[in-house]
Amino acid sequence: MDKLECIKLFSCAARLKSFTATANELNMTQGAVSKRIAWLERNLGFTLFHRNPRKISLTNAGAEYLTFCHELIEKMTITEQLLKNELSQVVGILKISAPSAFATQRLAYPIKEFLRANPELTIDISVNDRQVDLYNDDIDIAIRASYLKDSGLKAKKLLNHKLCYFASPDYLKANGKPRHPDDLSKHTCITYSLSNPSNAWYLNNQKIIVPELISSDSPEMIAKMAVLGCGIAAMPKWMVQEYLDCNQLIELFKDDEKLSLPMYAVYKSSDYLPFRIRAFIDFLANYFDSE
């Protein structure tokens, strides 16, 4: 068998954590996938996966070998790109991961402009509020509201956005308008479940623990429940600007100091970063800087 092809298949199986899903993605039979992994394990002399009827998981040796495989595949890809001049041209496929609200409200237009200027590029964008693993999920650029110090990753700051606190007119009519951040303890709140902890809000450099009525990982859901009068919520102002403009939501604590969240483009650290990645990150930084 071709060892390199088996290594690529192993890397895919490790990412998908399933021989069946790997077979579907690569248009193979599950038996063919299992046969190639077994051949690679015999060739290496150690087991790559723990197997049970429901799922597969990497052994310690398999996890270490996967790191080597990522480096090998990346170097091979870089060499091929170099030979095809892809390190100096915006061509190929750019894989992006971005939070849902940011993707639709802030990222769609610059993507359109970048594609118009670079017609040989195609973009594959995954919209997900949960953080992805750039290596295991095969992502070129991840847009994150905060930069975690992941090993082997770099980041470029794109913008800052301040949080906005808001509620519907109906909610405020029924429950009263909070005048001071401490008043939030008497109100029901709608929180973002991916924050840690989700019930901690910050105003005037003060941490406030709020009562949670609803917690969701969807900014769109949080905004909708606030419009329906379910409670007070907090999100970047641009996410709810249209509701504020038509008075479906009322901004609270306008004069108080609010937390500012940075937004970063996170990417893999490499001496031979494909030009399409560098070009898009620079384009985004310039785009948001000019807003």
Protein backbone atom coordinates (compact mmCIF):
# COMPACT_ATOMS: atom_id res chain seq x y z
CA MET A 1 0.00 0.00 0.00
CA ASP A 2 0.97 3.65 -0.39
CA LYS A 3 2.11 4.72 3.07
CA LEU A 4 1.54 8.42 2.39
CA GLU A 5 -2.06 7.80 1.37
CA CYS A 6 -2.55 5.73 4.53
CA ILE A 7 -1.09 8.59 6.60
CA LYS A 8 -3.56 11.05 5.03
CA LEU A 9 -6.39 8.60 5.72
CA PHE A 10 -5.21 8.21 9.34
CA SER A 11 -5.18 11.99 9.78
CA CYS A 12 -8.73 12.20 8.41
CA ALA A 13 -9.96 9.40 10.70
CA ALA A 14 -8.37 11.11 13.72
CA ARG A 15 -10.19 14.34 12.83
CA LEU A 16 -13.58 12.70 12.29
CA LYS A 17 -13.21 10.12 15.11
CA SER A 18 -15.05 7.54 13.01
CA PHE A 19 -14.09 5.04 10.31
CA THR A 20 -17.62 5.32 8.89
CA ALA A 21 -17.46 9.12 8.61
CA THR A 22 -13.98 8.83 7.09
CA ALA A 23 -15.25 6.35 4.51
CA ASN A 24 -18.12 8.69 3.62
CA GLU A 25 -15.87 11.75 3.30
CA LEU A 26 -13.30 9.93 1.16
CA ASN A 27 -15.89 7.98 -0.87
CA MET A 28 -14.54 4.61 0.30
CA THR A 29 -15.99 1.61 2.07
CA GLN A 30 -15.58 1.29 5.80
CA GLY A 31 -13.80 -1.99 5.22
CA ALA A 32 -11.22 -0.28 3.01
CA VAL A 33 -10.59 2.35 5.67
CA SER A 34 -10.14 -0.28 8.40
CA LYS A 35 -7.84 -2.31 6.15
CA ARG A 36 -5.55 0.67 5.44
CA ILE A 37 -5.37 1.72 9.09
CA ALA A 38 -4.56 -1.85 10.10
CA TRP A 39 -1.82 -2.01 7.44
CA LEU A 40 -0.33 1.26 8.71
CA GLU A 41 -0.37 -0.02 12.30
CA ARG A 42 1.43 -3.22 11.25
CA ASN A 43 3.95 -1.18 9.28
CA LEU A 44 4.61 1.10 12.27
CA GLY A 45 4.58 -1.60 14.90
CA PHE A 46 2.14 0.14 17.27
CA THR A 47 -1.61 0.73 17.61
CA LEU A 48 -3.02 4.08 16.47
CA PHE A 49 -6.62 3.81 17.66
CA HIS A 50 -8.63 2.32 20.51
CA ARG A 51 -11.64 0.72 18.84
CA ASN A 52 -15.14 -0.07 20.10
CA PRO A 53 -18.44 -0.54 18.24
CA ARG A 54 -19.49 3.10 18.74
CA LYS A 55 -16.34 5.16 18.18
CA ILE A 56 -12.58 5.26 17.83
CA SER A 57 -10.08 7.26 19.90
CA LEU A 58 -6.35 7.86 19.57
CA THR A 59 -3.88 5.90 21.65
CA ASN A 60 -1.03 7.85 23.25
CA ALA A 61 1.27 6.67 20.46
CA GLY A 62 -1.40 7.54 17.90
CA ALA A 63 -1.71 11.10 19.23
CA GLU A 64 2.05 11.58 19.05
CA TYR A 65 2.20 10.13 15.55
CA LEU A 66 -0.68 12.41 14.48
CA THR A 67 1.43 15.48 15.35
CA PHE A 68 4.18 14.16 13.08
CA CYS A 69 1.63 13.47 10.33
CA HIS A 70 0.27 17.03 10.51
CA GLU A 71 3.78 18.40 10.10
CA LEU A 72 4.53 16.02 7.25
CA ILE A 73 1.33 16.80 5.35
CA GLU A 74 1.77 20.55 5.91
CA LYS A 75 5.37 20.52 4.63
CA MET A 76 4.35 18.45 1.63
CA THR A 77 1.45 20.82 0.89
CA ILE A 78 3.72 23.86 1.25
CA THR A 79 6.24 22.36 -1.16
CA GLU A 80 3.51 21.65 -3.69
CA GLN A 81 2.12 25.17 -3.27
CA LEU A 82 5.56 26.65 -3.75
CA LEU A 83 6.02 24.73 -6.97
CA LYS A 84 2.65 26.03 -8.15
CA ASN A 85 3.41 29.61 -7.06
CA GLU A 86 0.59 29.49 -4.51
CA LEU A 87 2.78 31.19 -1.92
CA SER A 88 2.70 34.39 -3.96
CA GLN A 89 -0.86 34.25 -5.32
CA VAL A 90 -4.35 34.28 -3.82
CA VAL A 91 -5.52 30.95 -5.20
CA GLY A 92 -6.92 27.69 -3.88
CA ILE A 93 -9.39 27.08 -1.05
CA LEU A 94 -9.48 29.24 2.08
CA LYS A 95 -11.11 27.50 5.07
CA ILE A 96 -12.54 29.84 7.71
CA SER A 97 -14.36 29.31 11.00
CA ALA A 98 -16.34 32.22 12.46
CA PRO A 99 -19.02 32.86 15.11
CA SER A 100 -22.53 32.88 13.67
CA ALA A 101 -23.58 36.50 14.24
CA PHE A 102 -20.19 37.90 13.24
CA ALA A 103 -20.12 35.76 10.10
CA THR A 104 -23.48 36.95 8.81
CA GLN A 105 -23.46 40.56 10.03
CA ARG A 106 -19.81 41.59 9.78
CA LEU A 107 -17.89 39.07 7.69
CA ALA A 108 -20.11 38.40 4.67
CA TYR A 109 -19.48 41.74 2.96
CA PRO A 110 -15.64 41.75 3.25
CA ILE A 111 -15.60 38.14 2.00
CA LYS A 112 -17.61 39.25 -1.03
CA GLU A 113 -15.14 42.10 -1.70
CA PHE A 114 -12.11 39.84 -1.26
CA LEU A 115 -13.51 37.23 -3.65
CA ARG A 116 -14.27 39.91 -6.23
CA ALA A 117 -10.62 41.03 -6.11
CA ASN A 118 -9.33 37.44 -6.19
CA PRO A 119 -11.41 35.39 -8.64
CA GLU A 120 -9.19 32.29 -8.46
CA LEU A 121 -9.96 31.80 -4.75
CA THR A 122 -12.81 29.77 -3.25
CA ILE A 123 -13.90 30.03 0.39
CA ASP A 124 -15.26 27.33 2.70
CA ILE A 125 -16.68 28.98 5.85
CA SER A 126 -17.86 27.06 8.90
CA VAL A 127 -20.26 29.08 11.06
CA ASN A 128 -20.04 27.89 14.65
CA ASP A 129 -19.89 29.70 18.00
CA ARG A 130 -17.77 26.96 19.56
CA GLN A 131 -14.01 27.11 19.21
CA VAL A 132 -12.48 24.75 16.68
CA ASP A 133 -9.09 23.06 16.59
CA LEU A 134 -7.35 24.53 13.55
CA TYR A 135 -5.23 21.42 13.02
CA ASN A 136 -7.74 18.65 13.66
CA ASP A 137 -10.60 20.50 11.93
CA ASP A 138 -8.42 21.56 8.98
CA ILE A 139 -9.14 25.30 9.33
CA ASP A 140 -6.90 28.05 7.90
CA ILE A 141 -8.32 31.00 9.88
CA ALA A 142 -10.57 31.09 12.94
CA ILE A 143 -12.28 34.32 14.00
CA ARG A 144 -12.40 34.44 17.79
CA ALA A 145 -13.75 36.93 20.31
CA SER A 146 -10.74 36.24 22.51
CA TYR A 147 -7.34 34.73 21.84
CA LEU A 148 -6.46 31.62 23.77
CA LYS A 149 -2.80 30.72 23.94
CA ASP A 150 -3.01 27.54 21.90
CA SER A 151 0.30 25.94 21.04
CA GLY A 152 1.44 26.65 17.50
CA LEU A 153 -1.08 29.43 16.77
CA LYS A 154 -0.70 33.11 15.94
CA ALA A 155 -3.30 35.88 16.01
CA LYS A 156 -3.93 39.29 14.46
CA LYS A 157 -6.31 41.70 16.15
CA LEU A 158 -9.16 42.86 13.93
CA LEU A 159 -11.31 45.11 16.13
CA ASN A 160 -12.74 45.81 19.57
CA HIS A 161 -16.42 45.82 20.37
CA LYS A 162 -18.06 46.99 23.57
CA LEU A 163 -20.89 45.13 25.19
CA CYS A 164 -24.37 46.62 25.18
CA TYR A 165 -27.00 45.84 27.86
CA PHE A 166 -30.61 45.89 26.74
CA ALA A 167 -34.21 44.81 27.29
CA SER A 168 -37.55 45.25 25.54
CA PRO A 169 -39.95 48.10 26.36
CA ASP A 170 -42.52 45.54 27.55
CA TYR A 171 -40.05 43.95 29.96
CA LEU A 172 -39.02 47.33 31.39
CA LYS A 173 -42.65 48.43 31.72
CA ALA A 174 -43.50 45.28 33.67
CA ASN A 175 -40.33 45.05 35.78
CA GLY A 176 -38.92 48.55 35.97
CA LYS A 177 -35.69 49.92 34.52
CA PRO A 178 -32.50 49.12 36.42
CA ARG A 179 -30.73 52.37 37.33
CA HIS A 180 -27.56 50.84 38.80
CA PRO A 181 -25.69 47.62 37.92
CA ASP A 182 -26.50 46.24 41.39
CA ASP A 183 -30.19 46.37 40.43
CA LEU A 184 -29.59 43.47 38.02
CA SER A 185 -29.87 41.05 40.95
CA LYS A 186 -33.61 41.84 41.02
CA HIS A 187 -34.14 41.08 37.33
CA THR A 188 -34.23 37.99 35.13
CA CYS A 189 -31.36 37.81 32.61
CA ILE A 190 -30.61 36.06 29.34
CA THR A 191 -26.99 34.94 29.17
CA TYR A 192 -24.48 33.56 26.68
CA SER A 193 -23.74 29.97 27.69
CA LEU A 194 -20.28 29.87 26.08
CA SER A 195 -19.01 32.57 28.43
CA ASN A 196 -17.24 31.24 31.51
CA PRO A 197 -19.02 31.75 33.82
CA SER A 198 -22.13 32.61 31.86
CA ASN A 199 -23.81 34.48 34.73
CA ALA A 200 -20.94 36.93 35.37
CA TRP A 201 -21.36 40.40 33.84
CA TYR A 202 -18.95 43.32 34.18
CA LEU A 203 -19.92 46.99 34.56
CA ASN A 204 -17.72 49.79 35.93
CA ASN A 205 -14.94 47.23 36.46
CA GLN A 206 -17.26 45.38 38.83
CA LYS A 207 -18.18 41.71 38.51
CA ILE A 208 -21.93 41.18 38.87
CA ILE A 209 -23.53 37.76 39.23
CA VAL A 210 -26.93 37.87 37.54
CA PRO A 211 -29.96 35.55 37.83
CA GLU A 212 -30.20 33.45 34.67
CA LEU A 213 -33.63 32.78 33.22
CA ILE A 214 -32.37 31.61 29.81
CA SER A 215 -28.87 30.69 28.71
CA SER A 216 -28.05 30.03 25.06
CA ASP A 217 -25.01 29.60 22.80
CA SER A 218 -26.85 31.46 20.00
CA PRO A 219 -26.62 35.29 19.90
CA GLU A 220 -29.62 35.34 17.58
CA MET A 221 -31.67 33.39 20.14
CA ILE A 222 -30.59 35.70 22.96
CA ALA A 223 -31.62 38.80 20.99
CA LYS A 224 -34.97 37.25 20.02
CA MET A 225 -35.84 36.27 23.59
CA ALA A 226 -34.95 39.78 24.75
CA VAL A 227 -37.23 41.28 22.08
CA LEU A 228 -40.00 38.99 23.34
CA GLY A 229 -39.63 40.47 26.82
CA CYS A 230 -38.04 37.53 28.61
CA GLY A 231 -35.31 39.50 30.37
CA ILE A 232 -32.20 41.67 30.20
CA ALA A 233 -29.33 40.56 27.95
CA ALA A 234 -25.82 41.67 27.01
CA MET A 235 -24.12 41.43 23.62
CA PRO A 236 -21.90 43.54 21.35
CA LYS A 237 -23.99 46.51 20.23
CA TRP A 238 -23.65 45.80 16.50
CA MET A 239 -25.46 42.48 16.99
CA VAL A 240 -28.66 44.23 18.11
CA GLN A 241 -28.36 47.65 16.47
CA GLU A 242 -31.36 47.06 14.20
CA TYR A 243 -33.57 46.27 17.22
CA LEU A 244 -32.31 49.38 19.02
CA ASP A 245 -32.97 51.55 15.98
CA CYS A 246 -36.62 50.51 15.78
CA ASN A 247 -37.12 50.63 19.57
CA GLN A 248 -37.78 46.91 19.93
CA LEU A 249 -34.94 46.97 22.44
CA ILE A 250 -33.84 49.71 24.83
CA GLU A 251 -30.16 50.17 25.72
CA LEU A 252 -29.39 50.21 29.46
CA PHE A 253 -26.46 51.63 31.45
CA LYS A 254 -25.41 53.95 28.60
CA ASP A 255 -23.08 56.00 30.81
CA ASP A 256 -21.48 53.07 32.64
CA GLU A 257 -18.11 51.61 31.72
CA LYS A 258 -18.54 48.37 29.82
CA LEU A 259 -16.32 45.43 28.98
CA SER A 260 -14.58 45.61 25.59
CA LEU A 261 -14.09 42.35 23.72
CA PRO A 262 -11.26 42.00 21.16
CA MET A 263 -11.82 40.06 17.96
CA TYR A 264 -8.87 38.17 16.47
CA ALA A 265 -8.05 36.23 13.34
CA VAL A 266 -6.22 33.13 14.60
CA TYR A 267 -4.06 31.05 12.28
CA LYS A 268 -1.35 28.40 12.32
CA SER A 269 2.25 29.37 12.93
CA SER A 270 4.30 28.50 9.86
CA ASP A 271 7.39 29.77 8.08
CA TYR A 272 5.59 29.13 4.79
CA LEU A 273 2.10 30.49 5.34
CA PRO A 274 0.10 30.29 2.10
CA PHE A 275 -0.33 33.74 0.60
CA ARG A 276 -4.12 33.44 0.50
CA ILE A 277 -4.16 33.26 4.33
CA ARG A 278 -1.82 36.21 4.85
CA ALA A 279 -3.63 38.25 2.21
CA PHE A 280 -7.09 37.67 3.69
CA ILE A 281 -6.00 38.44 7.26
CA ASP A 282 -4.35 41.69 6.14
CA PHE A 283 -7.44 42.57 4.09
CA LEU A 284 -9.72 42.02 7.11
CA ALA A 285 -7.49 44.06 9.42
CA ASN A 286 -7.46 46.98 6.95
CA TYR A 287 -11.21 46.65 6.34
CA PHE A 288 -12.18 46.87 10.01
CA ASP A 289 -9.58 49.55 10.70
CA SER A 290 -11.24 51.77 8.10
CA GLU A 291 -14.78 51.34 9.49
